[in-house]
PDB file of N, CA and C in Angstrom:
ATOM      1  N   MET A   1       3.169  17.330 -10.717  1.00  0.00           N
ATOM      2  CA  MET A   1       3.002  16.762  -9.370  1.00  0.00           C
ATOM      3  C   MET A   1       3.472  15.299  -9.411  1.00  0.00           C
ATOM      4  N   PRO A   2       4.351  14.918  -8.488  1.00  0.00           N
ATOM      5  CA  PRO A   2       4.871  13.557  -8.510  1.00  0.00           C
ATOM      6  C   PRO A   2       3.787  12.544  -8.121  1.00  0.00           C
ATOM      7  N   CYS A   3       3.951  11.342  -8.603  1.00  0.00           N
ATOM      8  CA  CYS A   3       3.053  10.241  -8.273  1.00  0.00           C
ATOM      9  C   CYS A   3       3.513   9.633  -6.959  1.00  0.00           C
ATOM     10  N   LEU A   4       2.616   9.535  -5.987  1.00  0.00           N
ATOM     11  CA  LEU A   4       2.954   8.972  -4.675  1.00  0.00           C
ATOM     12  C   LEU A   4       2.841   7.461  -4.683  1.00  0.00           C
ATOM     13  N   CYS A   5       3.716   6.831  -3.948  1.00  0.00           N
ATOM     14  CA  CYS A   5       3.642   5.394  -3.746  1.00  0.00           C
ATOM     15  C   CYS A   5       2.406   5.094  -2.902  1.00  0.00           C
ATOM     16  N   ASP A   6       1.584   4.163  -3.362  1.00  0.00           N
ATOM     17  CA  ASP A   6       0.366   3.794  -2.624  1.00  0.00           C
ATOM     18  C   ASP A   6       0.669   2.953  -1.392  1.00  0.00           C
ATOM     19  N   PHE A   7       1.906   2.562  -1.203  1.00  0.00           N
ATOM     20  CA  PHE A   7       2.284   1.741  -0.057  1.00  0.00           C
ATOM     21  C   PHE A   7       2.944   2.583   1.030  1.00  0.00           C
ATOM     22  N   CYS A   8       3.976   3.347   0.671  1.00  0.00           N
ATOM     23  CA  CYS A   8       4.720   4.118   1.686  1.00  0.00           C
ATOM     24  C   CYS A   8       4.595   5.628   1.514  1.00  0.00           C
ATOM     25  N   SER A   9       3.879   6.068   0.484  1.00  0.00           N
ATOM     26  CA  SER A   9       3.654   7.498   0.196  1.00  0.00           C
ATOM     27  C   SER A   9       4.909   8.242  -0.238  1.00  0.00           C
ATOM     28  N   ALA A  10       5.961   7.524  -0.639  1.00  0.00           N
ATOM     29  CA  ALA A  10       7.138   8.197  -1.194  1.00  0.00           C
ATOM     30  C   ALA A  10       6.709   8.959  -2.441  1.00  0.00           C
ATOM     31  N   PRO A  11       7.303  10.110  -2.683  1.00  0.00           N
ATOM     32  CA  PRO A  11       6.862  10.952  -3.800  1.00  0.00           C
ATOM     33  C   PRO A  11       7.423  10.535  -5.164  1.00  0.00           C
ATOM     34  N   ASN A  12       8.011   9.365  -5.231  1.00  0.00           N
ATOM     35  CA  ASN A  12       8.670   8.978  -6.468  1.00  0.00           C
ATOM     36  C   ASN A  12       8.215   7.604  -6.969  1.00  0.00           C
ATOM     37  N   ALA A  13       6.923   7.383  -7.053  1.00  0.00           N
ATOM     38  CA  ALA A  13       6.429   6.105  -7.564  1.00  0.00           C
ATOM     39  C   ALA A  13       6.828   5.960  -9.034  1.00  0.00           C
ATOM     40  N   VAL A  14       7.404   4.835  -9.362  1.00  0.00           N
ATOM     41  CA  VAL A  14       7.870   4.604 -10.726  1.00  0.00           C
ATOM     42  C   VAL A  14       7.322   3.311 -11.336  1.00  0.00           C
ATOM     43  N   TRP A  15       6.496   2.582 -10.564  1.00  0.00           N
ATOM     44  CA  TRP A  15       5.913   1.338 -11.045  1.00  0.00           C
ATOM     45  C   TRP A  15       4.397   1.372 -10.883  1.00  0.00           C
ATOM     46  N   ARG A  16       3.713   0.753 -11.819  1.00  0.00           N
ATOM     47  CA  ARG A  16       2.253   0.612 -11.782  1.00  0.00           C
ATOM     48  C   ARG A  16       1.936  -0.869 -11.667  1.00  0.00           C
ATOM     49  N   HIS A  17       1.188  -1.229 -10.627  1.00  0.00           N
ATOM     50  CA  HIS A  17       0.772  -2.613 -10.419  1.00  0.00           C
ATOM     51  C   HIS A  17      -0.735  -2.701 -10.693  1.00  0.00           C
ATOM     52  N   PRO A  18      -1.120  -3.352 -11.785  1.00  0.00           N
ATOM     53  CA  PRO A  18      -2.535  -3.423 -12.124  1.00  0.00           C
ATOM     54  C   PRO A  18      -3.323  -4.252 -11.117  1.00  0.00           C
ATOM     55  N   ALA A  19      -4.521  -3.766 -10.784  1.00  0.00           N
ATOM     56  CA  ALA A  19      -5.354  -4.466  -9.803  1.00  0.00           C
ATOM     57  C   ALA A  19      -6.834  -4.173 -10.070  1.00  0.00           C
ATOM     58  N   ARG A  20      -7.651  -5.145  -9.703  1.00  0.00           N
ATOM     59  CA  ARG A  20      -9.115  -4.952  -9.756  1.00  0.00           C
ATOM     60  C   ARG A  20      -9.538  -4.024  -8.618  1.00  0.00           C
ATOM     61  N   ASN A  21     -10.681  -3.401  -8.763  1.00  0.00           N
ATOM     62  CA  ASN A  21     -11.276  -2.616  -7.684  1.00  0.00           C
ATOM     63  C   ASN A  21     -11.696  -3.577  -6.565  1.00  0.00           C
ATOM     64  N   PHE A  22     -11.594  -3.103  -5.315  1.00  0.00           N
ATOM     65  CA  PHE A  22     -12.073  -3.904  -4.195  1.00  0.00           C
ATOM     66  C   PHE A  22     -12.405  -2.993  -3.016  1.00  0.00           C
ATOM     67  N   ILE A  23     -13.233  -3.502  -2.128  1.00  0.00           N
ATOM     68  CA  ILE A  23     -13.592  -2.782  -0.901  1.00  0.00           C
ATOM     69  C   ILE A  23     -12.471  -3.036   0.110  1.00  0.00           C
ATOM     70  N   GLY A  24     -11.804  -1.961   0.530  1.00  0.00           N
ATOM     71  CA  GLY A  24     -10.699  -2.076   1.477  1.00  0.00           C
ATOM     72  C   GLY A  24     -11.165  -2.168   2.906  1.00  0.00           C
ATOM     73  N   TYR A  25     -12.229  -1.439   3.224  1.00  0.00           N
ATOM     74  CA  TYR A  25     -12.774  -1.473   4.581  1.00  0.00           C
ATOM     75  C   TYR A  25     -14.178  -0.894   4.570  1.00  0.00           C
ATOM     76  N   ALA A  26     -14.947  -1.249   5.573  1.00  0.00           N
ATOM     77  CA  ALA A  26     -16.273  -0.681   5.800  1.00  0.00           C
ATOM     78  C   ALA A  26     -16.440  -0.590   7.304  1.00  0.00           C
ATOM     79  N   ALA A  27     -16.547   0.628   7.808  1.00  0.00           N
ATOM     80  CA  ALA A  27     -16.686   0.832   9.248  1.00  0.00           C
ATOM     81  C   ALA A  27     -17.494   2.091   9.501  1.00  0.00           C
ATOM     82  N   GLY A  28     -18.436   1.990  10.399  1.00  0.00           N
ATOM     83  CA  GLY A  28     -19.215   3.153  10.794  1.00  0.00           C
ATOM     84  C   GLY A  28     -19.941   3.823   9.632  1.00  0.00           C
ATOM     85  N   GLY A  29     -20.353   3.030   8.667  1.00  0.00           N
ATOM     86  CA  GLY A  29     -21.057   3.593   7.526  1.00  0.00           C
ATOM     87  C   GLY A  29     -20.149   4.198   6.468  1.00  0.00           C
ATOM     88  N   VAL A  30     -18.839   4.100   6.664  1.00  0.00           N
ATOM     89  CA  VAL A  30     -17.872   4.619   5.705  1.00  0.00           C
ATOM     90  C   VAL A  30     -17.242   3.428   4.977  1.00  0.00           C
ATOM     91  N   VAL A  31     -17.220   3.512   3.673  1.00  0.00           N
ATOM     92  CA  VAL A  31     -16.634   2.440   2.865  1.00  0.00           C
ATOM     93  C   VAL A  31     -15.417   2.995   2.136  1.00  0.00           C
ATOM     94  N   GLY A  32     -14.310   2.304   2.263  1.00  0.00           N
ATOM     95  CA  GLY A  32     -13.099   2.675   1.544  1.00  0.00           C
ATOM     96  C   GLY A  32     -12.877   1.693   0.406  1.00  0.00           C
ATOM     97  N   GLU A  33     -12.830   2.220  -0.800  1.00  0.00           N
ATOM     98  CA  GLU A  33     -12.676   1.362  -1.964  1.00  0.00           C
ATOM     99  C   GLU A  33     -11.334   1.628  -2.638  1.00  0.00           C
ATOM    100  N   SER A  34     -10.652   0.563  -3.000  1.00  0.00           N
ATOM    101  CA  SER A  34      -9.447   0.679  -3.818  1.00  0.00           C
ATOM    102  C   SER A  34      -9.903   0.604  -5.268  1.00  0.00           C
ATOM    103  N   VAL A  35      -9.545   1.634  -6.031  1.00  0.00           N
ATOM    104  CA  VAL A  35      -9.991   1.714  -7.410  1.00  0.00           C
ATOM    105  C   VAL A  35      -8.786   1.640  -8.332  1.00  0.00           C
ATOM    106  N   GLY A  36      -8.694   0.566  -9.073  1.00  0.00           N
ATOM    107  CA  GLY A  36      -7.683   0.428 -10.112  1.00  0.00           C
ATOM    108  C   GLY A  36      -6.283   0.114  -9.624  1.00  0.00           C
ATOM    109  N   ASP A  37      -5.324   0.522 -10.445  1.00  0.00           N
ATOM    110  CA  ASP A  37      -3.924   0.189 -10.243  1.00  0.00           C
ATOM    111  C   ASP A  37      -3.330   0.867  -9.004  1.00  0.00           C
ATOM    112  N   TRP A  38      -2.268   0.258  -8.493  1.00  0.00           N
ATOM    113  CA  TRP A  38      -1.532   0.812  -7.366  1.00  0.00           C
ATOM    114  C   TRP A  38      -0.158   1.245  -7.853  1.00  0.00           C
ATOM    115  N   ALA A  39       0.268   2.408  -7.410  1.00  0.00           N
ATOM    116  CA  ALA A  39       1.594   2.920  -7.737  1.00  0.00           C
ATOM    117  C   ALA A  39       2.570   2.480  -6.651  1.00  0.00           C
ATOM    118  N   ALA A  40       3.813   2.241  -7.067  1.00  0.00           N
ATOM    119  CA  ALA A  40       4.834   1.828  -6.092  1.00  0.00           C
ATOM    120  C   ALA A  40       6.170   2.490  -6.406  1.00  0.00           C
ATOM    121  N   CYS A  41       6.857   2.890  -5.344  1.00  0.00           N
ATOM    122  CA  CYS A  41       8.236   3.375  -5.508  1.00  0.00           C
ATOM    123  C   CYS A  41       9.118   2.162  -5.788  1.00  0.00           C
ATOM    124  N   HIS A  42      10.373   2.424  -6.091  1.00  0.00           N
ATOM    125  CA  HIS A  42      11.279   1.316  -6.433  1.00  0.00           C
ATOM    126  C   HIS A  42      11.424   0.333  -5.269  1.00  0.00           C
ATOM    127  N   GLU A  43      11.567   0.844  -4.055  1.00  0.00           N
ATOM    128  CA  GLU A  43      11.754  -0.034  -2.891  1.00  0.00           C
ATOM    129  C   GLU A  43      10.530  -0.910  -2.626  1.00  0.00           C
ATOM    130  N   CYS A  44       9.346  -0.309  -2.646  1.00  0.00           N
ATOM    131  CA  CYS A  44       8.124  -1.095  -2.413  1.00  0.00           C
ATOM    132  C   CYS A  44       7.895  -2.084  -3.553  1.00  0.00           C
ATOM    133  N   HIS A  45       8.210  -1.675  -4.782  1.00  0.00           N
ATOM    134  CA  HIS A  45       8.090  -2.576  -5.932  1.00  0.00           C
ATOM    135  C   HIS A  45       8.942  -3.827  -5.714  1.00  0.00           C
ATOM    136  N   LYS A  46      10.192  -3.642  -5.250  1.00  0.00           N
ATOM    137  CA  LYS A  46      11.063  -4.796  -5.004  1.00  0.00           C
ATOM    138  C   LYS A  46      10.452  -5.727  -3.959  1.00  0.00           C
ATOM    139  N   LEU A  47       9.824  -5.155  -2.932  1.00  0.00           N
ATOM    140  CA  LEU A  47       9.189  -5.975  -1.894  1.00  0.00           C
ATOM    141  C   LEU A  47       7.968  -6.713  -2.446  1.00  0.00           C
ATOM    142  N   ILE A  48       7.227  -6.069  -3.325  1.00  0.00           N
ATOM    143  CA  ILE A  48       6.051  -6.698  -3.946  1.00  0.00           C
ATOM    144  C   ILE A  48       6.495  -7.862  -4.829  1.00  0.00           C
ATOM    145  N   VAL A  49       7.464  -7.605  -5.696  1.00  0.00           N
ATOM    146  CA  VAL A  49       7.936  -8.633  -6.626  1.00  0.00           C
ATOM    147  C   VAL A  49       8.524  -9.827  -5.882  1.00  0.00           C
ATOM    148  N   SER A  50       9.201  -9.572  -4.772  1.00  0.00           N
ATOM    149  CA  SER A  50       9.791 -10.675  -4.000  1.00  0.00           C
ATOM    150  C   SER A  50       8.786 -11.259  -3.003  1.00  0.00           C
ATOM    151  N   ASP A  51       7.552 -10.741  -2.997  1.00  0.00           N
ATOM    152  CA  ASP A  51       6.481 -11.215  -2.109  1.00  0.00           C
ATOM    153  C   ASP A  51       6.867 -11.099  -0.632  1.00  0.00           C
ATOM    154  N   ASP A  52       7.619 -10.046  -0.304  1.00  0.00           N
ATOM    155  CA  ASP A  52       8.015  -9.794   1.089  1.00  0.00           C
ATOM    156  C   ASP A  52       6.959  -8.909   1.749  1.00  0.00           C
ATOM    157  N   ARG A  53       5.839  -9.506   2.045  1.00  0.00           N
ATOM    158  CA  ARG A  53       4.692  -8.772   2.584  1.00  0.00           C
ATOM    159  C   ARG A  53       4.962  -8.213   3.972  1.00  0.00           C
ATOM    160  N   VAL A  54       5.753  -8.914   4.757  1.00  0.00           N
ATOM    161  CA  VAL A  54       6.065  -8.446   6.106  1.00  0.00           C
ATOM    162  C   VAL A  54       6.837  -7.135   6.041  1.00  0.00           C
ATOM    163  N   ARG A  55       7.886  -7.080   5.223  1.00  0.00           N
ATOM    164  CA  ARG A  55       8.670  -5.837   5.106  1.00  0.00           C
ATOM    165  C   ARG A  55       7.873  -4.737   4.418  1.00  0.00           C
ATOM    166  N   LEU A  56       7.036  -5.088   3.473  1.00  0.00           N
ATOM    167  CA  LEU A  56       6.203  -4.087   2.802  1.00  0.00           C
ATOM    168  C   LEU A  56       5.278  -3.406   3.818  1.00  0.00           C
ATOM    169  N   THR A  57       4.648  -4.193   4.659  1.00  0.00           N
ATOM    170  CA  THR A  57       3.769  -3.631   5.677  1.00  0.00           C
ATOM    171  C   THR A  57       4.568  -2.837   6.711  1.00  0.00           C
ATOM    172  N   ALA A  58       5.704  -3.363   7.144  1.00  0.00           N
ATOM    173  CA  ALA A  58       6.510  -2.649   8.131  1.00  0.00           C
ATOM    174  C   ALA A  58       6.962  -1.292   7.592  1.00  0.00           C
ATOM    175  N   THR A  59       7.371  -1.251   6.338  1.00  0.00           N
ATOM    176  CA  THR A  59       7.777   0.008   5.711  1.00  0.00           C
ATOM    177  C   THR A  59       6.614   0.982   5.663  1.00  0.00           C
ATOM    178  N   SER A  60       5.454   0.497   5.272  1.00  0.00           N
ATOM    179  CA  SER A  60       4.265   1.351   5.195  1.00  0.00           C
ATOM    180  C   SER A  60       3.891   1.918   6.560  1.00  0.00           C
ATOM    181  N   VAL A  61       3.928   1.089   7.575  1.00  0.00           N
ATOM    182  CA  VAL A  61       3.582   1.536   8.929  1.00  0.00           C
ATOM    183  C   VAL A  61       4.585   2.582   9.418  1.00  0.00           C
ATOM    184  N   LEU A  62       5.870   2.325   9.228  1.00  0.00           N
ATOM    185  CA  LEU A  62       6.884   3.273   9.702  1.00  0.00           C
ATOM    186  C   LEU A  62       6.753   4.633   9.020  1.00  0.00           C
ATOM    187  N   THR A  63       6.522   4.646   7.726  1.00  0.00           N
ATOM    188  CA  THR A  63       6.397   5.929   7.029  1.00  0.00           C
ATOM    189  C   THR A  63       5.092   6.632   7.413  1.00  0.00           C
ATOM    190  N   PHE A  64       4.038   5.856   7.668  1.00  0.00           N
ATOM    191  CA  PHE A  64       2.771   6.454   8.087  1.00  0.00           C
ATOM    192  C   PHE A  64       2.920   7.104   9.472  1.00  0.00           C
ATOM    193  N   ILE A  65       3.555   6.406  10.391  1.00  0.00           N
ATOM    194  CA  ILE A  65       3.749   6.950  11.740  1.00  0.00           C
ATOM    195  C   ILE A  65       4.707   8.139  11.711  1.00  0.00           C
ATOM    196  N   ALA A  66       5.676   8.126  10.823  1.00  0.00           N
ATOM    197  CA  ALA A  66       6.581   9.280  10.703  1.00  0.00           C
ATOM    198  C   ALA A  66       5.801  10.535  10.348  1.00  0.00           C
ATOM    199  N   ARG A  67       4.759  10.390   9.533  1.00  0.00           N
ATOM    200  CA  ARG A  67       3.920  11.540   9.157  1.00  0.00           C
ATOM    201  C   ARG A  67       2.862  11.860  10.215  1.00  0.00           C
ATOM    202  N   HIS A  68       2.516  10.846  11.033  1.00  0.00           N
ATOM    203  CA  HIS A  68       1.483  11.004  12.063  1.00  0.00           C
ATOM    204  C   HIS A  68       1.993  10.415  13.388  1.00  0.00           C
ATOM    205  N   PRO A  69       2.982  11.064  14.012  1.00  0.00           N
ATOM    206  CA  PRO A  69       3.594  10.492  15.217  1.00  0.00           C
ATOM    207  C   PRO A  69       2.604  10.291  16.364  1.00  0.00           C
ATOM    208  N   GLU A  70       1.514  10.994  16.348  1.00  0.00           N
ATOM    209  CA  GLU A  70       0.508  10.822  17.399  1.00  0.00           C
ATOM    210  C   GLU A  70      -0.130   9.426  17.360  1.00  0.00           C
ATOM    211  N   LEU A  71       0.085   8.688  16.282  1.00  0.00           N
ATOM    212  CA  LEU A  71      -0.486   7.336  16.154  1.00  0.00           C
ATOM    213  C   LEU A  71       0.477   6.224  16.546  1.00  0.00           C
ATOM    214  N   GLU A  72       1.629   6.585  17.074  1.00  0.00           N
ATOM    215  CA  GLU A  72       2.625   5.584  17.508  1.00  0.00           C
ATOM    216  C   GLU A  72       2.018   4.534  18.437  1.00  0.00           C
ATOM    217  N   ALA A  73       1.113   4.955  19.316  1.00  0.00           N
ATOM    218  CA  ALA A  73       0.481   4.023  20.266  1.00  0.00           C
ATOM    219  C   ALA A  73      -0.361   2.961  19.572  1.00  0.00           C
ATOM    220  N   PHE A  74      -0.713   3.211  18.314  1.00  0.00           N
ATOM    221  CA  PHE A  74      -1.557   2.282  17.569  1.00  0.00           C
ATOM    222  C   PHE A  74      -0.770   1.498  16.509  1.00  0.00           C
ATOM    223  N   LYS A  75       0.547   1.471  16.671  1.00  0.00           N
ATOM    224  CA  LYS A  75       1.419   0.856  15.671  1.00  0.00           C
ATOM    225  C   LYS A  75       1.042  -0.600  15.363  1.00  0.00           C
ATOM    226  N   SER A  76       0.766  -1.375  16.372  1.00  0.00           N
ATOM    227  CA  SER A  76       0.420  -2.784  16.183  1.00  0.00           C
ATOM    228  C   SER A  76      -0.896  -2.932  15.411  1.00  0.00           C
ATOM    229  N   GLU A  77      -1.876  -2.146  15.804  1.00  0.00           N
ATOM    230  CA  GLU A  77      -3.175  -2.192  15.108  1.00  0.00           C
ATOM    231  C   GLU A  77      -3.033  -1.727  13.664  1.00  0.00           C
ATOM    232  N   LEU A  78      -2.252  -0.664  13.451  1.00  0.00           N
ATOM    233  CA  LEU A  78      -2.004  -0.192  12.091  1.00  0.00           C
ATOM    234  C   LEU A  78      -1.335  -1.263  11.244  1.00  0.00           C
ATOM    235  N   ALA A  79      -0.378  -1.965  11.822  1.00  0.00           N
ATOM    236  CA  ALA A  79       0.315  -3.028  11.085  1.00  0.00           C
ATOM    237  C   ALA A  79      -0.669  -4.132  10.687  1.00  0.00           C
ATOM    238  N   THR A  80      -1.554  -4.478  11.585  1.00  0.00           N
ATOM    239  CA  THR A  80      -2.555  -5.504  11.279  1.00  0.00           C
ATOM    240  C   THR A  80      -3.459  -5.046  10.140  1.00  0.00           C
ATOM    241  N   GLU A  81      -3.975  -3.830  10.244  1.00  0.00           N
ATOM    242  CA  GLU A  81      -4.893  -3.324   9.226  1.00  0.00           C
ATOM    243  C   GLU A  81      -4.207  -3.129   7.872  1.00  0.00           C
ATOM    244  N   MET A  82      -2.974  -2.602   7.874  1.00  0.00           N
ATOM    245  CA  MET A  82      -2.257  -2.432   6.618  1.00  0.00           C
ATOM    246  C   MET A  82      -1.913  -3.791   6.013  1.00  0.00           C
ATOM    247  N   GLY A  83      -1.592  -4.757   6.844  1.00  0.00           N
ATOM    248  CA  GLY A  83      -1.331  -6.104   6.352  1.00  0.00           C
ATOM    249  C   GLY A  83      -2.534  -6.691   5.665  1.00  0.00           C
ATOM    250  N   ILE A  84      -3.703  -6.457   6.230  1.00  0.00           N
ATOM    251  CA  ILE A  84      -4.952  -6.933   5.624  1.00  0.00           C
ATOM    252  C   ILE A  84      -5.187  -6.232   4.277  1.00  0.00           C
ATOM    253  N   LEU A  85      -4.987  -4.921   4.250  1.00  0.00           N
ATOM    254  CA  LEU A  85      -5.160  -4.168   3.009  1.00  0.00           C
ATOM    255  C   LEU A  85      -4.181  -4.645   1.944  1.00  0.00           C
ATOM    256  N   HIS A  86      -2.934  -4.871   2.319  1.00  0.00           N
ATOM    257  CA  HIS A  86      -1.941  -5.343   1.358  1.00  0.00           C
ATOM    258  C   HIS A  86      -2.296  -6.742   0.854  1.00  0.00           C
ATOM    259  N   ALA A  87      -2.806  -7.591   1.744  1.00  0.00           N
ATOM    260  CA  ALA A  87      -3.228  -8.932   1.318  1.00  0.00           C
ATOM    261  C   ALA A  87      -4.331  -8.819   0.267  1.00  0.00           C
ATOM    262  N   GLN A  88      -5.248  -7.877   0.465  1.00  0.00           N
ATOM    263  CA  GLN A  88      -6.308  -7.665  -0.528  1.00  0.00           C
ATOM    264  C   GLN A  88      -5.715  -7.193  -1.854  1.00  0.00           C
ATOM    265  N   PHE A  89      -4.711  -6.315  -1.784  1.00  0.00           N
ATOM    266  CA  PHE A  89      -4.039  -5.884  -2.994  1.00  0.00           C
ATOM    267  C   PHE A  89      -3.451  -7.096  -3.730  1.00  0.00           C
ATOM    268  N   PHE A  90      -2.700  -7.936  -3.009  1.00  0.00           N
ATOM    269  CA  PHE A  90      -2.091  -9.108  -3.643  1.00  0.00           C
ATOM    270  C   PHE A  90      -3.160 -10.035  -4.235  1.00  0.00           C
ATOM    271  N   ASP A  91      -4.285 -10.198  -3.548  1.00  0.00           N
ATOM    272  CA  ASP A  91      -5.376 -11.046  -4.050  1.00  0.00           C
ATOM    273  C   ASP A  91      -6.025 -10.465  -5.314  1.00  0.00           C
ATOM    274  N   ASN A  92      -5.931  -9.172  -5.500  1.00  0.00           N
ATOM    275  CA  ASN A  92      -6.623  -8.509  -6.607  1.00  0.00           C
ATOM    276  C   ASN A  92      -5.700  -8.028  -7.722  1.00  0.00           C
ATOM    277  N   ARG A  93      -4.425  -8.383  -7.666  1.00  0.00           N
ATOM    278  CA  ARG A  93      -3.503  -8.032  -8.759  1.00  0.00           C
ATOM    279  C   ARG A  93      -3.954  -8.738 -10.023  1.00  0.00           C
ATOM    280  N   THR A  94      -3.804  -8.051 -11.144  1.00  0.00           N
ATOM    281  CA  THR A  94      -4.279  -8.626 -12.407  1.00  0.00           C
ATOM    282  C   THR A  94      -3.178  -8.866 -13.424  1.00  0.00           C
ATOM    283  N   GLY A  95      -1.951  -8.595 -13.078  1.00  0.00           N
ATOM    284  CA  GLY A  95      -0.860  -8.808 -14.021  1.00  0.00           C
ATOM    285  C   GLY A  95       0.436  -8.228 -13.511  1.00  0.00           C
ATOM    286  N   PRO A  96       1.471  -8.309 -14.334  1.00  0.00           N
ATOM    287  CA  PRO A  96       2.776  -7.806 -13.929  1.00  0.00           C
ATOM    288  C   PRO A  96       2.816  -6.286 -13.898  1.00  0.00           C
ATOM    289  N   ALA A  97       3.763  -5.765 -13.152  1.00  0.00           N
ATOM    290  CA  ALA A  97       3.959  -4.313 -13.045  1.00  0.00           C
ATOM    291  C   ALA A  97       4.530  -3.765 -14.347  1.00  0.00           C
ATOM    292  N   SER A  98       4.310  -2.490 -14.550  1.00  0.00           N
ATOM    293  CA  SER A  98       4.922  -1.789 -15.682  1.00  0.00           C
ATOM    294  C   SER A  98       5.458  -0.454 -15.170  1.00  0.00           C
ATOM    295  N   ALA A  99       6.464   0.043 -15.862  1.00  0.00           N
ATOM    296  CA  ALA A  99       7.072   1.312 -15.469  1.00  0.00           C
ATOM    297  C   ALA A  99       6.107   2.465 -15.730  1.00  0.00           C
ATOM    298  N   ILE A 100       6.113   3.437 -14.845  1.00  0.00           N
ATOM    299  CA  ILE A 100       5.335   4.663 -15.035  1.00  0.00           C
ATOM    300  C   ILE A 100       6.199   5.606 -15.863  1.00  0.00           C
ATOM    301  N   PRO A 101       5.675   6.031 -17.021  1.00  0.00           N
ATOM    302  CA  PRO A 101       6.493   6.928 -17.887  1.00  0.00           C
ATOM    303  C   PRO A 101       6.737   8.281 -17.240  1.00  0.00           C
TER     304      PRO A 101
END
């Protein structure tokens, strides 16, 4: 089974970005926790390394809406929330990326 990119869900993640665990969101009694490293495809990895957070979030939103077109009306809100989640990822990175064997 291929490793999915944690940013855009591409089925070909080839990079591992080490990160501490953190709470991604808490709403309505539901808590979403990010546990451990994040996988990234080559394209998202390039955006992470170049610190292009705007394009990283835009890519993530576009691929998410492509899989869930019924959420197009919430594109702006999704971009805000994904941007916040990505900022938390950047704040919790613990070292350089390494290739996934």
